[in-house]
Amino acid sequence: MFDTSLFGTELPGALRVIIVFLLVLGLIGATTWAVRRFGGHRLGVATNRGRLPRLAVLVAASVVTRRRLILIWVEIVVVIVFL
């Protein structure tokens, strides 16, 4: 049904496996390169380098017994929480 010859000659099974293996590795490498080159920023690859964290506890202090004052930084807003 299918012609298994390459360039008109029959290849041994081991050589055919090696050629297909190298072809698959090349396709994987090309896909990886294309994703990093053209679409990496959309997939979250190395986008947080140099950025400040989005959520951080600035200060947590005990005010009175069993009460705490906590300053939380969210993006550009400071939230005061009294627990």
Protein backbone atom coordinates (compact mmCIF):
# COMPACT_ATOMS: atom_id res chain seq x y z
CA MET A 1 0.00 0.00 0.00
CA PHE A 2 2.70 2.52 1.02
CA ASP A 3 6.14 2.65 -0.52
CA THR A 4 8.65 2.40 2.36
CA SER A 5 11.67 3.31 0.26
CA LEU A 6 13.49 6.61 0.57
CA PHE A 7 15.01 8.00 -2.65
CA GLY A 8 14.12 4.80 -4.47
CA THR A 9 16.15 2.40 -2.29
CA GLU A 10 15.04 0.25 0.61
CA LEU A 11 16.65 1.30 3.90
CA PRO A 12 17.45 -1.08 6.74
CA GLY A 13 15.14 -0.87 9.75
CA ALA A 14 17.75 0.57 12.11
CA LEU A 15 18.69 3.38 9.71
CA ARG A 16 15.01 4.21 9.17
CA VAL A 17 14.50 4.43 12.95
CA ILE A 18 17.50 6.75 13.32
CA ILE A 19 16.30 9.05 10.53
CA VAL A 20 12.79 9.25 11.98
CA PHE A 21 14.23 9.88 15.47
CA LEU A 22 16.38 12.76 14.19
CA LEU A 23 13.41 14.17 12.29
CA VAL A 24 11.24 14.12 15.41
CA LEU A 25 14.01 15.76 17.49
CA GLY A 26 14.33 18.46 14.84
CA LEU A 27 10.60 19.13 14.89
CA ILE A 28 10.60 19.36 18.68
CA GLY A 29 13.54 21.76 18.58
CA ALA A 30 11.91 23.92 15.90
CA THR A 31 8.65 24.05 17.86
CA THR A 32 10.46 25.02 21.06
CA TRP A 33 12.38 27.75 19.27
CA ALA A 34 9.18 29.11 17.65
CA VAL A 35 7.27 29.18 20.94
CA ARG A 36 10.11 31.00 22.74
CA ARG A 37 10.65 33.39 19.86
CA PHE A 38 7.08 34.30 18.99
CA GLY A 39 4.75 33.24 21.81
CA GLY A 40 6.77 32.97 25.03
CA HIS A 41 5.41 36.16 26.58
CA ARG A 42 1.87 34.82 26.36
CA LEU A 43 2.76 31.54 28.05
CA GLY A 44 4.31 33.15 31.13
CA VAL A 45 7.89 32.33 30.27
CA ALA A 46 10.24 34.64 32.20
CA THR A 47 7.70 37.47 32.51
CA ASN A 48 8.16 38.11 36.25
CA ARG A 49 11.85 38.97 36.16
CA GLY A 50 12.41 42.45 37.52
CA ARG A 51 8.83 42.91 38.69
CA LEU A 52 7.73 43.60 42.20
CA PRO A 53 5.46 40.99 43.80
CA ARG A 54 1.76 41.63 43.43
CA LEU A 55 0.98 40.81 47.04
CA ALA A 56 3.20 41.51 50.04
CA VAL A 57 2.85 42.00 53.77
CA LEU A 58 4.56 45.29 54.59
CA VAL A 59 4.13 45.47 58.37
CA ALA A 60 2.52 43.23 60.96
CA ALA A 61 2.43 44.67 64.47
CA SER A 62 0.69 43.75 67.70
CA VAL A 63 -1.38 46.71 68.85
CA VAL A 64 -3.02 45.32 71.99
CA THR A 65 -3.42 41.79 73.29
CA ARG A 66 -4.95 39.55 70.67
CA ARG A 67 -5.17 42.40 68.14
CA ARG A 68 -2.84 42.94 65.18
CA LEU A 69 -2.44 45.69 62.63
CA ILE A 70 -1.31 44.44 59.23
CA LEU A 71 -0.41 46.52 56.18
CA ILE A 72 -0.76 44.54 52.96
CA TRP A 73 0.44 45.80 49.59
CA VAL A 74 -1.71 44.66 46.64
CA GLU A 75 -0.48 45.88 43.22
CA ILE A 76 -0.41 49.66 43.88
CA VAL A 77 -2.81 49.80 46.87
CA VAL A 78 -1.93 49.48 50.54
CA VAL A 79 -4.66 47.73 52.55
CA ILE A 80 -4.89 48.15 56.33
CA VAL A 81 -6.21 45.09 58.15
CA PHE A 82 -7.00 45.13 61.86
CA LEU A 83 -7.40 41.63 63.27
